[in-house]
Amino acid sequence: MARNKVEICGVDTSKLPVLKNQEMRLLFQEYQAGDRSAREKLVNGNLRLVLSVIQRFNNRGECVDDLFQVGCIGLMKAIDNFDLSQNVKFSTYAVPMIIGEIRRYLRDNNPIRVSRSLRDIAYKALQVRDTLTNKHSREPTVNEISKVLNVPKEDVVFALDAIQDPVSLFEPVYQDGGDPIFVMDQLSDDNTKDIQWVEEIALKEAMGHLNGREKMILSMRFFEGKTQMEVADEIGISQAQVSRLEKAAINQMHKFVH
């Protein structure tokens, strides 16, 4: 049976070795004891991990060889910094580092140039967001992030927007087991707001069946044209909660539309 041979950077991917967990641990012990050849074996034994990661970036129009080489840099950083004493699989530790290295490469080579100061604010904001999420078990508001960074919230929003890659409007950006939040849920449109739909139903009667918070969210979303993130920041809840409440309110109003 013929093998599917694919060459990336001159590497025949069909011949890449696969290391078992015990082999990996032994090689890490040897490498951390000073055996440089063990590092090379660890790299070669985890190149399939790089291949699996770069498949996520196939639609970017980037050269696969370039992404593979950048991914290998992330892999080597992971190997050099992996702590055997932690009860974590190497792949669990390495994948985020490989992805991070590729994303940095894509951002630094983006034709839409983003200033270094904006990138610094954005990366710090992402770190603070992760820290606060782990600490409070919820997504922090923009106000909370800006207070930690001592940076105006407008600068935080602008910086985070500046580093985002173009995505489909129907790409899910958050899901916790319920309905996903899509990119389009974060956008406001001054020309095609849902106010046109609202005006065609018995608005007062339908909204009369909503509670105060639901009325406020629909008003801010569809009458004031605010995004879910802006609404969440203003009333002090997460964007995921805004999405749930908004959808629940609209579903409730549908029951009274004839």
C-alpha atoms as a PDB file:
ATOM      1  CA  MET A   1       0.000   0.000   0.000  1.00  0.00           C
ATOM      2  CA  ALA A   2       1.509   3.309  -1.058  1.00  0.00           C
ATOM      3  CA  ARG A   3       2.129   5.928   1.611  1.00  0.00           C
ATOM      4  CA  ASN A   4       0.971   9.496   1.203  1.00  0.00           C
ATOM      5  CA  LYS A   5       4.255  11.325   0.853  1.00  0.00           C
ATOM      6  CA  VAL A   6       4.209  15.050   1.602  1.00  0.00           C
ATOM      7  CA  GLU A   7       7.415  17.070   1.780  1.00  0.00           C
ATOM      8  CA  ILE A   8       7.638  20.245   3.844  1.00  0.00           C
ATOM      9  CA  CYS A   9      10.969  22.046   4.031  1.00  0.00           C
ATOM     10  CA  GLY A  10      12.516  18.901   2.517  1.00  0.00           C
ATOM     11  CA  VAL A  11      11.065  16.690   5.260  1.00  0.00           C
ATOM     12  CA  ASP A  12       9.207  13.558   4.162  1.00  0.00           C
ATOM     13  CA  THR A  13       6.281  13.706   6.603  1.00  0.00           C
ATOM     14  CA  SER A  14       5.436  10.046   6.044  1.00  0.00           C
ATOM     15  CA  LYS A  15       8.753   9.078   7.682  1.00  0.00           C
ATOM     16  CA  LEU A  16       8.428  11.224  10.783  1.00  0.00           C
ATOM     17  CA  PRO A  17       8.844   9.173  13.983  1.00  0.00           C
ATOM     18  CA  VAL A  18       6.263   9.045  16.751  1.00  0.00           C
ATOM     19  CA  LEU A  19       7.533   8.947  20.339  1.00  0.00           C
ATOM     20  CA  LYS A  20       5.701   7.169  23.137  1.00  0.00           C
ATOM     21  CA  ASN A  21       5.267   8.923  26.482  1.00  0.00           C
ATOM     22  CA  GLN A  22       7.927   6.827  28.196  1.00  0.00           C
ATOM     23  CA  GLU A  23      10.405   7.490  25.383  1.00  0.00           C
ATOM     24  CA  MET A  24       9.670  11.201  25.679  1.00  0.00           C
ATOM     25  CA  ARG A  25      10.341  11.251  29.413  1.00  0.00           C
ATOM     26  CA  LEU A  26      13.638   9.429  29.008  1.00  0.00           C
ATOM     27  CA  LEU A  27      14.746  11.820  26.271  1.00  0.00           C
ATOM     28  CA  PHE A  28      13.803  14.840  28.382  1.00  0.00           C
ATOM     29  CA  GLN A  29      15.798  13.447  31.276  1.00  0.00           C
ATOM     30  CA  GLU A  30      18.803  12.911  29.010  1.00  0.00           C
ATOM     31  CA  TYR A  31      18.484  16.365  27.437  1.00  0.00           C
ATOM     32  CA  GLN A  32      18.107  18.113  30.782  1.00  0.00           C
ATOM     33  CA  ALA A  33      21.170  16.212  31.970  1.00  0.00           C
ATOM     34  CA  GLY A  34      23.171  17.780  29.124  1.00  0.00           C
ATOM     35  CA  ASP A  35      22.749  15.389  26.182  1.00  0.00           C
ATOM     36  CA  ARG A  36      22.236  17.661  23.145  1.00  0.00           C
ATOM     37  CA  SER A  37      21.486  14.746  20.838  1.00  0.00           C
ATOM     38  CA  ALA A  38      18.390  13.996  22.921  1.00  0.00           C
ATOM     39  CA  ARG A  39      17.068  17.447  22.031  1.00  0.00           C
ATOM     40  CA  GLU A  40      17.330  16.660  18.320  1.00  0.00           C
ATOM     41  CA  LYS A  41      15.431  13.413  18.869  1.00  0.00           C
ATOM     42  CA  LEU A  42      12.731  15.286  20.757  1.00  0.00           C
ATOM     43  CA  VAL A  43      12.394  17.785  17.932  1.00  0.00           C
ATOM     44  CA  ASN A  44      12.183  15.104  15.242  1.00  0.00           C
ATOM     45  CA  GLY A  45       9.784  13.063  17.342  1.00  0.00           C
ATOM     46  CA  ASN A  46       7.355  15.958  17.680  1.00  0.00           C
ATOM     47  CA  LEU A  47       7.329  17.391  14.160  1.00  0.00           C
ATOM     48  CA  ARG A  48       3.931  15.769  13.592  1.00  0.00           C
ATOM     49  CA  LEU A  49       2.671  18.044  16.359  1.00  0.00           C
ATOM     50  CA  VAL A  50       3.797  21.057  14.337  1.00  0.00           C
ATOM     51  CA  LEU A  51       2.077  19.663  11.246  1.00  0.00           C
ATOM     52  CA  SER A  52      -1.205  19.256  13.099  1.00  0.00           C
ATOM     53  CA  VAL A  53      -1.026  22.855  14.356  1.00  0.00           C
ATOM     54  CA  ILE A  54      -0.248  24.523  11.014  1.00  0.00           C
ATOM     55  CA  GLN A  55      -3.329  22.898   9.484  1.00  0.00           C
ATOM     56  CA  ARG A  56      -5.340  25.446  11.485  1.00  0.00           C
ATOM     57  CA  PHE A  57      -3.735  28.205   9.454  1.00  0.00           C
ATOM     58  CA  ASN A  58      -4.195  26.702   5.986  1.00  0.00           C
ATOM     59  CA  ASN A  59      -6.703  29.382   4.926  1.00  0.00           C
ATOM     60  CA  ARG A  60      -4.333  32.304   5.539  1.00  0.00           C
ATOM     61  CA  GLY A  61      -2.625  32.074   2.155  1.00  0.00           C
ATOM     62  CA  GLU A  62       0.765  31.723   3.839  1.00  0.00           C
ATOM     63  CA  CYS A  63       3.570  29.515   2.585  1.00  0.00           C
ATOM     64  CA  VAL A  64       3.290  26.160   4.368  1.00  0.00           C
ATOM     65  CA  ASP A  65       7.077  25.844   4.555  1.00  0.00           C
ATOM     66  CA  ASP A  66       7.309  29.199   6.354  1.00  0.00           C
ATOM     67  CA  LEU A  67       4.608  28.253   8.848  1.00  0.00           C
ATOM     68  CA  PHE A  68       6.300  24.898   9.443  1.00  0.00           C
ATOM     69  CA  GLN A  69       9.650  26.554  10.191  1.00  0.00           C
ATOM     70  CA  VAL A  70       8.022  29.078  12.548  1.00  0.00           C
ATOM     71  CA  GLY A  71       6.102  26.263  14.231  1.00  0.00           C
ATOM     72  CA  CYS A  72       9.384  24.401  14.758  1.00  0.00           C
ATOM     73  CA  ILE A  73      10.756  27.440  16.590  1.00  0.00           C
ATOM     74  CA  GLY A  74       7.772  27.247  18.932  1.00  0.00           C
ATOM     75  CA  LEU A  75       8.365  23.515  19.362  1.00  0.00           C
ATOM     76  CA  MET A  76      12.024  24.046  20.293  1.00  0.00           C
ATOM     77  CA  LYS A  77      11.078  26.735  22.814  1.00  0.00           C
ATOM     78  CA  ALA A  78       8.597  24.306  24.349  1.00  0.00           C
ATOM     79  CA  ILE A  79      11.249  21.577  24.562  1.00  0.00           C
ATOM     80  CA  ASP A  80      13.746  23.952  26.179  1.00  0.00           C
ATOM     81  CA  ASN A  81      11.253  25.142  28.798  1.00  0.00           C
ATOM     82  CA  PHE A  82       9.273  21.975  29.548  1.00  0.00           C
ATOM     83  CA  ASP A  83       9.186  21.019  33.230  1.00  0.00           C
ATOM     84  CA  LEU A  84       9.109  17.260  33.765  1.00  0.00           C
ATOM     85  CA  SER A  85       8.029  17.677  37.368  1.00  0.00           C
ATOM     86  CA  GLN A  86       4.666  19.041  36.270  1.00  0.00           C
ATOM     87  CA  ASN A  87       2.006  16.429  35.628  1.00  0.00           C
ATOM     88  CA  VAL A  88       1.286  17.729  32.124  1.00  0.00           C
ATOM     89  CA  LYS A  89       1.596  16.040  28.756  1.00  0.00           C
ATOM     90  CA  PHE A  90       4.231  17.626  26.559  1.00  0.00           C
ATOM     91  CA  SER A  91       1.738  18.090  23.713  1.00  0.00           C
ATOM     92  CA  THR A  92      -0.603  19.998  26.068  1.00  0.00           C
ATOM     93  CA  TYR A  93       2.264  22.333  26.929  1.00  0.00           C
ATOM     94  CA  ALA A  94       3.740  22.610  23.429  1.00  0.00           C
ATOM     95  CA  VAL A  95       0.660  23.288  21.276  1.00  0.00           C
ATOM     96  CA  PRO A  96      -0.104  26.754  22.761  1.00  0.00           C
ATOM     97  CA  MET A  97       3.551  27.738  22.347  1.00  0.00           C
ATOM     98  CA  ILE A  98       3.583  26.610  18.708  1.00  0.00           C
ATOM     99  CA  ILE A  99       0.322  28.456  18.026  1.00  0.00           C
ATOM    100  CA  GLY A 100       1.645  31.559  19.778  1.00  0.00           C
ATOM    101  CA  GLU A 101       4.816  31.572  17.691  1.00  0.00           C
ATOM    102  CA  ILE A 102       2.825  31.264  14.447  1.00  0.00           C
ATOM    103  CA  ARG A 103       0.400  34.008  15.474  1.00  0.00           C
ATOM    104  CA  ARG A 104       3.266  36.361  16.304  1.00  0.00           C
ATOM    105  CA  TYR A 105       4.764  35.641  12.888  1.00  0.00           C
ATOM    106  CA  LEU A 106       1.444  36.325  11.136  1.00  0.00           C
ATOM    107  CA  ARG A 107       0.887  39.558  13.058  1.00  0.00           C
ATOM    108  CA  ASP A 108       4.410  40.832  12.496  1.00  0.00           C
ATOM    109  CA  ASN A 109       4.079  40.085   8.781  1.00  0.00           C
ATOM    110  CA  ASN A 110       0.538  41.410   8.407  1.00  0.00           C
ATOM    111  CA  PRO A 111       0.307  43.961   5.557  1.00  0.00           C
ATOM    112  CA  ILE A 112      -1.864  46.048   7.869  1.00  0.00           C
ATOM    113  CA  ARG A 113       0.830  47.411  10.119  1.00  0.00           C
ATOM    114  CA  VAL A 114       0.096  47.731  13.821  1.00  0.00           C
ATOM    115  CA  SER A 115       2.362  49.919  15.939  1.00  0.00           C
ATOM    116  CA  ARG A 116       4.578  48.287  18.525  1.00  0.00           C
ATOM    117  CA  SER A 117       2.919  50.255  21.344  1.00  0.00           C
ATOM    118  CA  LEU A 118      -0.531  48.989  20.321  1.00  0.00           C
ATOM    119  CA  ARG A 119       0.709  45.401  20.135  1.00  0.00           C
ATOM    120  CA  ASP A 120       2.274  45.748  23.592  1.00  0.00           C
ATOM    121  CA  ILE A 121      -1.003  46.984  25.067  1.00  0.00           C
ATOM    122  CA  ALA A 122      -2.924  44.192  23.342  1.00  0.00           C
ATOM    123  CA  TYR A 123      -0.605  41.414  24.537  1.00  0.00           C
ATOM    124  CA  LYS A 124      -0.624  42.772  28.102  1.00  0.00           C
ATOM    125  CA  ALA A 125      -4.423  43.008  27.969  1.00  0.00           C
ATOM    126  CA  LEU A 126      -4.669  39.382  26.869  1.00  0.00           C
ATOM    127  CA  GLN A 127      -2.420  38.311  29.746  1.00  0.00           C
ATOM    128  CA  VAL A 128      -4.452  40.328  32.257  1.00  0.00           C
ATOM    129  CA  ARG A 129      -7.692  38.908  30.841  1.00  0.00           C
ATOM    130  CA  ASP A 130      -6.434  35.350  31.331  1.00  0.00           C
ATOM    131  CA  THR A 131      -5.215  36.126  34.865  1.00  0.00           C
ATOM    132  CA  LEU A 132      -8.508  37.718  35.913  1.00  0.00           C
ATOM    133  CA  THR A 133     -10.526  34.932  34.297  1.00  0.00           C
ATOM    134  CA  ASN A 134      -8.604  32.317  36.279  1.00  0.00           C
ATOM    135  CA  LYS A 135      -8.879  34.367  39.474  1.00  0.00           C
ATOM    136  CA  HIS A 136     -12.600  35.173  39.314  1.00  0.00           C
ATOM    137  CA  SER A 137     -13.861  32.272  37.139  1.00  0.00           C
ATOM    138  CA  ARG A 138     -15.502  34.709  34.732  1.00  0.00           C
ATOM    139  CA  GLU A 139     -14.544  36.881  31.794  1.00  0.00           C
ATOM    140  CA  PRO A 140     -13.389  40.328  33.003  1.00  0.00           C
ATOM    141  CA  THR A 141     -14.872  43.551  31.662  1.00  0.00           C
ATOM    142  CA  VAL A 142     -12.844  46.056  29.652  1.00  0.00           C
ATOM    143  CA  ASN A 143     -12.982  48.408  32.648  1.00  0.00           C
ATOM    144  CA  GLU A 144     -11.360  45.799  34.884  1.00  0.00           C
ATOM    145  CA  ILE A 145      -8.578  45.157  32.358  1.00  0.00           C
ATOM    146  CA  SER A 146      -7.937  48.877  31.851  1.00  0.00           C
ATOM    147  CA  LYS A 147      -7.677  49.457  35.624  1.00  0.00           C
ATOM    148  CA  VAL A 148      -5.040  46.742  36.005  1.00  0.00           C
ATOM    149  CA  LEU A 149      -3.039  48.114  33.073  1.00  0.00           C
ATOM    150  CA  ASN A 150      -3.695  51.754  34.068  1.00  0.00           C
ATOM    151  CA  VAL A 151      -4.613  52.400  30.443  1.00  0.00           C
ATOM    152  CA  PRO A 152      -7.825  54.076  29.164  1.00  0.00           C
ATOM    153  CA  LYS A 153     -10.437  51.460  28.243  1.00  0.00           C
ATOM    154  CA  GLU A 154     -10.724  52.969  24.753  1.00  0.00           C
ATOM    155  CA  ASP A 155      -7.027  52.186  24.188  1.00  0.00           C
ATOM    156  CA  VAL A 156      -7.547  48.590  25.367  1.00  0.00           C
ATOM    157  CA  VAL A 157     -10.454  48.038  22.952  1.00  0.00           C
ATOM    158  CA  PHE A 158      -8.576  49.685  20.069  1.00  0.00           C
ATOM    159  CA  ALA A 159      -5.417  47.641  20.736  1.00  0.00           C
ATOM    160  CA  LEU A 160      -7.282  44.327  20.901  1.00  0.00           C
ATOM    161  CA  ASP A 161      -9.156  45.130  17.699  1.00  0.00           C
ATOM    162  CA  ALA A 162      -5.909  46.070  15.954  1.00  0.00           C
ATOM    163  CA  ILE A 163      -4.292  42.649  16.398  1.00  0.00           C
ATOM    164  CA  GLN A 164      -7.285  40.609  15.292  1.00  0.00           C
ATOM    165  CA  ASP A 165      -6.996  38.650  12.056  1.00  0.00           C
ATOM    166  CA  PRO A 166      -9.851  38.909   9.520  1.00  0.00           C
ATOM    167  CA  VAL A 167     -12.445  36.208  10.222  1.00  0.00           C
ATOM    168  CA  SER A 168     -15.791  35.062   8.916  1.00  0.00           C
ATOM    169  CA  LEU A 169     -18.860  36.731  10.414  1.00  0.00           C
ATOM    170  CA  PHE A 170     -20.136  33.245  11.179  1.00  0.00           C
ATOM    171  CA  GLU A 171     -17.024  32.076  13.031  1.00  0.00           C
ATOM    172  CA  PRO A 172     -17.837  31.198  16.664  1.00  0.00           C
ATOM    173  CA  VAL A 173     -15.814  33.263  19.124  1.00  0.00           C
ATOM    174  CA  TYR A 174     -17.127  31.766  22.365  1.00  0.00           C
ATOM    175  CA  GLN A 175     -19.010  28.649  23.436  1.00  0.00           C
ATOM    176  CA  ASP A 176     -19.481  27.169  26.882  1.00  0.00           C
ATOM    177  CA  GLY A 177     -21.745  24.257  26.019  1.00  0.00           C
ATOM    178  CA  GLY A 178     -24.740  26.392  25.073  1.00  0.00           C
ATOM    179  CA  ASP A 179     -25.447  28.436  21.963  1.00  0.00           C
ATOM    180  CA  PRO A 180     -22.228  29.799  20.424  1.00  0.00           C
ATOM    181  CA  ILE A 181     -21.526  33.510  20.109  1.00  0.00           C
ATOM    182  CA  PHE A 182     -20.632  34.370  16.519  1.00  0.00           C
ATOM    183  CA  VAL A 183     -18.552  37.292  15.254  1.00  0.00           C
ATOM    184  CA  MET A 184     -21.708  38.862  13.813  1.00  0.00           C
ATOM    185  CA  ASP A 185     -23.147  39.018  17.350  1.00  0.00           C
ATOM    186  CA  GLN A 186     -20.392  41.493  18.266  1.00  0.00           C
ATOM    187  CA  LEU A 187     -21.139  43.925  15.466  1.00  0.00           C
ATOM    188  CA  SER A 188     -23.513  46.843  15.209  1.00  0.00           C
ATOM    189  CA  ASP A 189     -24.866  47.987  11.843  1.00  0.00           C
ATOM    190  CA  ASP A 190     -26.341  51.473  11.533  1.00  0.00           C
ATOM    191  CA  ASN A 191     -28.047  50.587   8.247  1.00  0.00           C
ATOM    192  CA  THR A 192     -29.644  47.234   9.014  1.00  0.00           C
ATOM    193  CA  LYS A 193     -30.395  47.259  12.735  1.00  0.00           C
ATOM    194  CA  ASP A 194     -33.038  44.878  13.968  1.00  0.00           C
ATOM    195  CA  ILE A 195     -35.119  47.959  14.832  1.00  0.00           C
ATOM    196  CA  GLN A 196     -36.866  47.443  11.466  1.00  0.00           C
ATOM    197  CA  TRP A 197     -37.991  44.024  12.653  1.00  0.00           C
ATOM    198  CA  VAL A 198     -38.983  45.383  16.064  1.00  0.00           C
ATOM    199  CA  GLU A 199     -41.130  48.125  14.537  1.00  0.00           C
ATOM    200  CA  GLU A 200     -43.154  45.563  12.598  1.00  0.00           C
ATOM    201  CA  ILE A 201     -44.354  43.704  15.700  1.00  0.00           C
ATOM    202  CA  ALA A 202     -46.477  44.740  18.615  1.00  0.00           C
ATOM    203  CA  LEU A 203     -43.428  46.206  20.302  1.00  0.00           C
ATOM    204  CA  LYS A 204     -44.927  47.629  23.447  1.00  0.00           C
ATOM    205  CA  GLU A 205     -47.015  44.546  24.127  1.00  0.00           C
ATOM    206  CA  ALA A 206     -44.137  42.138  23.546  1.00  0.00           C
ATOM    207  CA  MET A 207     -41.582  44.108  25.554  1.00  0.00           C
ATOM    208  CA  GLY A 208     -44.055  44.414  28.380  1.00  0.00           C
ATOM    209  CA  HIS A 209     -43.451  40.747  29.123  1.00  0.00           C
ATOM    210  CA  LEU A 210     -39.698  41.269  29.654  1.00  0.00           C
ATOM    211  CA  ASN A 211     -37.915  42.085  32.883  1.00  0.00           C
ATOM    212  CA  GLY A 212     -35.992  45.312  33.384  1.00  0.00           C
ATOM    213  CA  ARG A 213     -32.568  43.923  32.462  1.00  0.00           C
ATOM    214  CA  GLU A 214     -33.851  42.302  29.266  1.00  0.00           C
ATOM    215  CA  LYS A 215     -35.565  45.540  28.197  1.00  0.00           C
ATOM    216  CA  MET A 216     -32.369  47.492  28.848  1.00  0.00           C
ATOM    217  CA  ILE A 217     -30.219  45.069  26.828  1.00  0.00           C
ATOM    218  CA  LEU A 218     -32.575  45.102  23.820  1.00  0.00           C
ATOM    219  CA  SER A 219     -32.808  48.890  23.977  1.00  0.00           C
ATOM    220  CA  MET A 220     -29.032  49.294  24.034  1.00  0.00           C
ATOM    221  CA  ARG A 221     -28.486  46.690  21.320  1.00  0.00           C
ATOM    222  CA  PHE A 222     -31.200  47.566  18.827  1.00  0.00           C
ATOM    223  CA  PHE A 223     -32.084  51.185  19.540  1.00  0.00           C
ATOM    224  CA  GLU A 224     -28.685  52.555  20.493  1.00  0.00           C
ATOM    225  CA  GLY A 225     -26.739  50.244  18.153  1.00  0.00           C
ATOM    226  CA  LYS A 226     -24.219  49.107  20.764  1.00  0.00           C
ATOM    227  CA  THR A 227     -22.222  45.905  20.452  1.00  0.00           C
ATOM    228  CA  GLN A 228     -22.578  43.082  22.950  1.00  0.00           C
ATOM    229  CA  MET A 229     -19.136  43.920  24.357  1.00  0.00           C
ATOM    230  CA  GLU A 230     -20.171  47.546  24.930  1.00  0.00           C
ATOM    231  CA  VAL A 231     -23.399  46.462  26.621  1.00  0.00           C
ATOM    232  CA  ALA A 232     -21.532  43.979  28.821  1.00  0.00           C
ATOM    233  CA  ASP A 233     -19.021  46.618  29.878  1.00  0.00           C
ATOM    234  CA  GLU A 234     -21.747  49.159  30.679  1.00  0.00           C
ATOM    235  CA  ILE A 235     -23.920  46.914  32.838  1.00  0.00           C
ATOM    236  CA  GLY A 236     -21.064  44.935  34.394  1.00  0.00           C
ATOM    237  CA  ILE A 237     -21.629  41.405  33.131  1.00  0.00           C
ATOM    238  CA  SER A 238     -19.803  39.186  30.622  1.00  0.00           C
ATOM    239  CA  GLN A 239     -20.473  39.237  26.900  1.00  0.00           C
ATOM    240  CA  ALA A 240     -21.615  35.608  27.097  1.00  0.00           C
ATOM    241  CA  GLN A 241     -24.304  36.626  29.611  1.00  0.00           C
ATOM    242  CA  VAL A 242     -25.427  39.494  27.377  1.00  0.00           C
ATOM    243  CA  SER A 243     -25.768  37.087  24.459  1.00  0.00           C
ATOM    244  CA  ARG A 244     -27.843  34.631  26.491  1.00  0.00           C
ATOM    245  CA  LEU A 245     -30.134  37.329  27.877  1.00  0.00           C
ATOM    246  CA  GLU A 246     -30.554  38.936  24.446  1.00  0.00           C
ATOM    247  CA  LYS A 247     -31.515  35.664  22.781  1.00  0.00           C
ATOM    248  CA  ALA A 248     -33.827  34.712  25.634  1.00  0.00           C
ATOM    249  CA  ALA A 249     -35.573  38.106  25.445  1.00  0.00           C
ATOM    250  CA  ILE A 250     -36.043  37.887  21.673  1.00  0.00           C
ATOM    251  CA  ASN A 251     -37.403  34.338  21.986  1.00  0.00           C
ATOM    252  CA  GLN A 252     -39.789  35.564  24.694  1.00  0.00           C
ATOM    253  CA  MET A 253     -40.994  38.402  22.464  1.00  0.00           C
ATOM    254  CA  HIS A 254     -41.584  35.979  19.586  1.00  0.00           C
ATOM    255  CA  LYS A 255     -44.239  34.252  21.718  1.00  0.00           C
ATOM    256  CA  PHE A 256     -46.342  37.419  21.638  1.00  0.00           C
ATOM    257  CA  VAL A 257     -45.898  38.228  17.953  1.00  0.00           C
ATOM    258  CA  HIS A 258     -48.938  37.288  15.871  1.00  0.00           C
END
